[in-house]
């Protein structure tokens, strides 16, 4: 999602945990990555409402999210944004580990 401030963001909640991702697009094609992240998040929300088996699909979406954050970190010219991207990659990896226990 693109915002008026030039940031891409996604919001959601799962298991009583609310989260917000906001990443500033600093290069020309970064908004495309933010759009893909938004699509992956929407797909994950749909998957979490489905019956098993979903583990492999969640793992795949986690990999895709990590790749997008890698891309955004590479394009960032701001060290603070790079740190946010690295933290998000770490959180996604934690989600990926949790997904391994879904089934």
N, C-alpha and C. Protein backbone atom coordinates (compact mmCIF):
# COMPACT_ATOMS: atom_id res chain seq x y z
N UNK A 1 0.83 -1.18 0.00
CA UNK A 1 0.00 0.00 0.00
C UNK A 1 0.88 1.24 0.00
N UNK A 2 0.53 2.20 -0.79
CA UNK A 2 1.27 3.45 -0.80
C UNK A 2 0.53 4.46 0.06
N UNK A 3 1.27 5.27 0.77
CA UNK A 3 0.64 6.27 1.62
C UNK A 3 0.98 7.66 1.11
N UNK A 4 0.32 8.63 1.65
CA UNK A 4 0.54 10.02 1.25
C UNK A 4 1.94 10.51 1.63
N UNK A 5 2.57 9.86 2.58
CA UNK A 5 3.88 10.30 3.04
C UNK A 5 5.02 9.71 2.22
N UNK A 6 4.71 8.86 1.24
CA UNK A 6 5.77 8.24 0.46
C UNK A 6 6.25 6.94 1.07
N UNK A 7 5.53 6.47 2.05
CA UNK A 7 5.89 5.22 2.69
C UNK A 7 4.93 4.13 2.23
N UNK A 8 5.42 2.92 2.19
CA UNK A 8 4.56 1.77 1.96
C UNK A 8 4.28 1.16 3.31
N UNK A 9 3.06 0.70 3.52
CA UNK A 9 2.76 0.13 4.82
C UNK A 9 1.76 -1.01 4.68
N UNK A 10 1.78 -1.86 5.67
CA UNK A 10 0.82 -2.94 5.77
C UNK A 10 0.51 -3.11 7.24
N UNK A 11 -0.74 -3.41 7.55
CA UNK A 11 -1.15 -3.59 8.94
C UNK A 11 -1.91 -4.91 9.05
N UNK A 12 -1.85 -5.49 10.21
CA UNK A 12 -2.60 -6.71 10.42
C UNK A 12 -2.54 -7.14 11.87
N UNK A 13 -3.21 -8.22 12.15
CA UNK A 13 -3.15 -8.80 13.48
C UNK A 13 -3.35 -10.30 13.36
N UNK A 14 -2.75 -10.99 14.29
CA UNK A 14 -2.90 -12.44 14.35
C UNK A 14 -2.62 -12.88 15.77
N UNK A 15 -3.48 -13.70 16.29
CA UNK A 15 -3.28 -14.29 17.61
C UNK A 15 -3.03 -13.20 18.66
N UNK A 16 -3.91 -12.21 18.69
CA UNK A 16 -3.84 -11.09 19.64
C UNK A 16 -2.59 -10.23 19.50
N UNK A 17 -1.90 -10.31 18.37
CA UNK A 17 -0.72 -9.49 18.13
C UNK A 17 -1.00 -8.59 16.93
N UNK A 18 -0.88 -7.30 17.13
CA UNK A 18 -1.05 -6.34 16.03
C UNK A 18 0.32 -5.97 15.51
N UNK A 19 0.41 -5.77 14.21
CA UNK A 19 1.68 -5.39 13.61
C UNK A 19 1.46 -4.36 12.50
N UNK A 20 2.47 -3.57 12.28
CA UNK A 20 2.46 -2.57 11.21
C UNK A 20 3.84 -2.59 10.58
N UNK A 21 3.85 -2.70 9.26
CA UNK A 21 5.10 -2.58 8.51
C UNK A 21 5.03 -1.28 7.75
N UNK A 22 6.05 -0.47 7.86
CA UNK A 22 6.11 0.75 7.07
C UNK A 22 7.52 0.91 6.58
N UNK A 23 7.67 0.95 5.30
CA UNK A 23 8.99 1.02 4.67
C UNK A 23 8.98 2.17 3.69
N UNK A 24 9.98 3.00 3.76
CA UNK A 24 10.06 4.13 2.86
C UNK A 24 10.66 3.69 1.52
N UNK A 25 9.99 4.04 0.45
CA UNK A 25 10.49 3.74 -0.89
C UNK A 25 11.50 4.81 -1.27
N UNK A 26 12.74 4.41 -1.53
CA UNK A 26 13.77 5.39 -1.81
C UNK A 26 14.31 5.30 -3.23
N UNK A 27 13.94 4.30 -3.99
CA UNK A 27 14.37 4.19 -5.38
C UNK A 27 13.15 3.95 -6.25
N UNK A 28 13.30 4.12 -7.52
CA UNK A 28 12.18 4.10 -8.46
C UNK A 28 11.34 2.83 -8.42
N UNK A 29 11.96 1.66 -8.36
CA UNK A 29 11.17 0.44 -8.42
C UNK A 29 10.85 -0.15 -7.05
N UNK A 30 11.19 0.53 -5.97
CA UNK A 30 10.86 0.06 -4.63
C UNK A 30 9.35 -0.04 -4.40
N UNK A 31 8.52 0.87 -4.92
CA UNK A 31 7.08 0.72 -4.71
C UNK A 31 6.53 -0.60 -5.24
N UNK A 32 7.13 -1.14 -6.29
CA UNK A 32 6.68 -2.44 -6.79
C UNK A 32 6.92 -3.52 -5.75
N UNK A 33 8.05 -3.45 -5.07
CA UNK A 33 8.33 -4.40 -3.99
C UNK A 33 7.35 -4.25 -2.85
N UNK A 34 6.98 -3.00 -2.53
CA UNK A 34 6.00 -2.77 -1.48
C UNK A 34 4.64 -3.33 -1.87
N UNK A 35 4.29 -3.19 -3.14
CA UNK A 35 3.03 -3.76 -3.62
C UNK A 35 3.05 -5.28 -3.51
N UNK A 36 4.18 -5.90 -3.82
CA UNK A 36 4.29 -7.36 -3.69
C UNK A 36 4.18 -7.78 -2.23
N UNK A 37 4.85 -7.03 -1.33
CA UNK A 37 4.73 -7.34 0.09
C UNK A 37 3.29 -7.27 0.54
N UNK A 38 2.58 -6.26 0.10
CA UNK A 38 1.17 -6.12 0.45
C UNK A 38 0.38 -7.34 -0.03
N UNK A 39 0.63 -7.78 -1.25
CA UNK A 39 -0.06 -8.95 -1.80
C UNK A 39 0.28 -10.21 -0.99
N UNK A 40 1.54 -10.37 -0.59
CA UNK A 40 1.94 -11.54 0.19
C UNK A 40 1.27 -11.54 1.57
N UNK A 41 1.16 -10.37 2.17
CA UNK A 41 0.52 -10.26 3.48
C UNK A 41 -0.96 -10.62 3.37
N UNK A 42 -1.62 -10.12 2.34
CA UNK A 42 -3.03 -10.47 2.14
C UNK A 42 -3.20 -11.97 1.94
N UNK A 43 -2.30 -12.58 1.18
CA UNK A 43 -2.37 -14.03 0.96
C UNK A 43 -2.15 -14.79 2.26
N UNK A 44 -1.23 -14.33 3.10
CA UNK A 44 -0.98 -14.99 4.38
C UNK A 44 -2.21 -14.92 5.27
N UNK A 45 -2.89 -13.78 5.28
CA UNK A 45 -4.12 -13.65 6.07
C UNK A 45 -5.17 -14.66 5.61
N UNK A 46 -5.29 -14.84 4.31
CA UNK A 46 -6.24 -15.82 3.77
C UNK A 46 -5.84 -17.22 4.19
N UNK A 47 -4.55 -17.53 4.08
CA UNK A 47 -4.07 -18.87 4.44
C UNK A 47 -4.32 -19.19 5.91
N UNK A 48 -4.13 -18.20 6.78
CA UNK A 48 -4.29 -18.43 8.21
C UNK A 48 -5.73 -18.74 8.59
N UNK A 49 -6.67 -18.43 7.73
CA UNK A 49 -8.08 -18.74 7.97
C UNK A 49 -8.48 -20.10 7.40
N UNK A 50 -7.58 -20.72 6.64
CA UNK A 50 -7.87 -22.00 6.00
C UNK A 50 -7.48 -23.16 6.90
N UNK A 51 -8.00 -24.31 6.55
CA UNK A 51 -7.65 -25.55 7.24
C UNK A 51 -6.32 -26.06 6.70
N UNK A 52 -5.60 -26.83 7.53
CA UNK A 52 -4.36 -27.44 7.04
C UNK A 52 -4.62 -28.32 5.83
N UNK A 53 -3.66 -28.54 4.99
CA UNK A 53 -2.25 -28.19 5.14
C UNK A 53 -1.93 -26.82 4.58
N UNK A 54 -1.29 -25.98 5.37
CA UNK A 54 -0.89 -24.64 4.91
C UNK A 54 0.59 -24.37 5.17
N UNK A 55 1.26 -25.29 5.85
CA UNK A 55 2.65 -25.06 6.26
C UNK A 55 3.55 -24.70 5.08
N UNK A 56 3.48 -25.46 4.01
CA UNK A 56 4.36 -25.21 2.86
C UNK A 56 4.06 -23.87 2.20
N UNK A 57 2.79 -23.52 2.15
CA UNK A 57 2.40 -22.23 1.55
C UNK A 57 2.89 -21.07 2.41
N UNK A 58 2.77 -21.20 3.73
CA UNK A 58 3.27 -20.15 4.62
C UNK A 58 4.79 -20.04 4.53
N UNK A 59 5.45 -21.16 4.42
CA UNK A 59 6.91 -21.15 4.26
C UNK A 59 7.30 -20.43 2.97
N UNK A 60 6.59 -20.72 1.89
CA UNK A 60 6.85 -20.08 0.61
C UNK A 60 6.65 -18.57 0.70
N UNK A 61 5.54 -18.14 1.31
CA UNK A 61 5.27 -16.70 1.46
C UNK A 61 6.34 -16.03 2.33
N UNK A 62 6.81 -16.74 3.35
CA UNK A 62 7.88 -16.18 4.19
C UNK A 62 9.14 -15.95 3.37
N UNK A 63 9.49 -16.92 2.54
CA UNK A 63 10.66 -16.77 1.67
C UNK A 63 10.49 -15.57 0.74
N UNK A 64 9.30 -15.42 0.17
CA UNK A 64 9.05 -14.30 -0.74
C UNK A 64 9.18 -12.97 0.00
N UNK A 65 8.64 -12.89 1.23
CA UNK A 65 8.75 -11.67 2.02
C UNK A 65 10.21 -11.35 2.33
N UNK A 66 10.99 -12.34 2.68
CA UNK A 66 12.41 -12.11 2.98
C UNK A 66 13.12 -11.58 1.74
N UNK A 67 12.83 -12.14 0.58
CA UNK A 67 13.44 -11.64 -0.67
C UNK A 67 13.07 -10.19 -0.93
N UNK A 68 11.81 -9.85 -0.69
CA UNK A 68 11.39 -8.45 -0.93
C UNK A 68 12.10 -7.51 0.04
N UNK A 69 12.22 -7.91 1.31
CA UNK A 69 12.93 -7.05 2.26
C UNK A 69 14.40 -6.96 1.90
N UNK A 70 14.99 -8.03 1.39
CA UNK A 70 16.37 -7.96 0.89
C UNK A 70 16.48 -6.90 -0.18
N UNK A 71 15.55 -6.93 -1.12
CA UNK A 71 15.55 -5.96 -2.22
C UNK A 71 15.41 -4.54 -1.68
N UNK A 72 14.48 -4.34 -0.76
CA UNK A 72 14.27 -2.99 -0.21
C UNK A 72 15.50 -2.52 0.58
N UNK A 73 16.14 -3.42 1.30
CA UNK A 73 17.36 -3.05 2.04
C UNK A 73 18.47 -2.65 1.07
N UNK A 74 18.58 -3.39 -0.02
CA UNK A 74 19.63 -3.08 -1.01
C UNK A 74 19.41 -1.72 -1.66
N UNK A 75 18.16 -1.33 -1.81
CA UNK A 75 17.84 -0.07 -2.48
C UNK A 75 17.83 1.13 -1.53
N UNK A 76 17.82 0.85 -0.25
CA UNK A 76 17.75 1.93 0.73
C UNK A 76 19.06 2.69 0.80
N UNK A 77 18.94 4.01 0.88
CA UNK A 77 20.12 4.86 1.08
C UNK A 77 20.16 5.40 2.51
N UNK A 78 19.23 4.95 3.32
CA UNK A 78 19.10 5.42 4.70
C UNK A 78 19.41 4.25 5.64
N UNK A 79 20.41 4.39 6.49
CA UNK A 79 20.83 3.32 7.39
C UNK A 79 19.71 2.92 8.34
N UNK A 80 18.89 3.88 8.78
CA UNK A 80 17.78 3.55 9.68
C UNK A 80 16.77 2.64 8.98
N UNK A 81 16.49 2.93 7.71
CA UNK A 81 15.56 2.08 6.96
C UNK A 81 16.14 0.70 6.72
N UNK A 82 17.45 0.64 6.49
CA UNK A 82 18.10 -0.66 6.32
C UNK A 82 17.98 -1.47 7.60
N UNK A 83 18.15 -0.82 8.74
CA UNK A 83 18.02 -1.53 10.02
C UNK A 83 16.60 -2.04 10.21
N UNK A 84 15.61 -1.25 9.83
CA UNK A 84 14.22 -1.69 9.92
C UNK A 84 14.00 -2.91 9.03
N UNK A 85 14.53 -2.85 7.82
CA UNK A 85 14.40 -3.99 6.91
C UNK A 85 15.04 -5.25 7.45
N UNK A 86 16.21 -5.10 8.06
CA UNK A 86 16.88 -6.26 8.65
C UNK A 86 16.09 -6.82 9.83
N UNK A 87 15.51 -5.94 10.63
CA UNK A 87 14.67 -6.39 11.75
C UNK A 87 13.44 -7.12 11.21
N UNK A 88 12.84 -6.61 10.15
CA UNK A 88 11.67 -7.27 9.57
C UNK A 88 12.04 -8.65 9.05
N UNK A 89 13.20 -8.77 8.43
CA UNK A 89 13.65 -10.08 7.95
C UNK A 89 13.76 -11.06 9.12
N UNK A 90 14.28 -10.58 10.24
CA UNK A 90 14.40 -11.42 11.43
C UNK A 90 13.02 -11.85 11.93
N UNK A 91 12.08 -10.92 11.96
CA UNK A 91 10.72 -11.24 12.41
C UNK A 91 10.03 -12.22 11.46
N UNK A 92 10.25 -12.04 10.18
CA UNK A 92 9.66 -12.96 9.21
C UNK A 92 10.24 -14.36 9.40
N UNK A 93 11.53 -14.43 9.67
CA UNK A 93 12.15 -15.74 9.91
C UNK A 93 11.54 -16.40 11.15
N UNK A 94 11.23 -15.61 12.17
CA UNK A 94 10.57 -16.15 13.35
C UNK A 94 9.18 -16.68 12.99
N UNK A 95 8.46 -15.94 12.16
CA UNK A 95 7.14 -16.40 11.69
C UNK A 95 7.28 -17.69 10.90
N UNK A 96 8.32 -17.76 10.11
CA UNK A 96 8.57 -18.97 9.31
C UNK A 96 8.80 -20.18 10.22
N UNK A 97 9.54 -19.98 11.30
CA UNK A 97 9.77 -21.05 12.25
C UNK A 97 8.46 -21.48 12.91
N UNK A 98 7.61 -20.50 13.23
CA UNK A 98 6.31 -20.82 13.82
C UNK A 98 5.42 -21.57 12.83
N UNK A 99 5.51 -21.21 11.56
CA UNK A 99 4.71 -21.87 10.52
C UNK A 99 5.09 -23.34 10.40
N UNK A 100 6.33 -23.66 10.70
CA UNK A 100 6.79 -25.04 10.63
C UNK A 100 6.05 -25.91 11.65
N UNK A 101 5.49 -25.28 12.68
CA UNK A 101 4.77 -26.01 13.74
C UNK A 101 3.26 -26.00 13.54
N UNK A 102 2.78 -25.43 12.44
CA UNK A 102 1.35 -25.33 12.22
C UNK A 102 0.69 -26.69 12.08
N UNK A 103 1.34 -27.62 11.38
CA UNK A 103 0.73 -28.92 11.14
C UNK A 103 1.46 -30.01 11.88
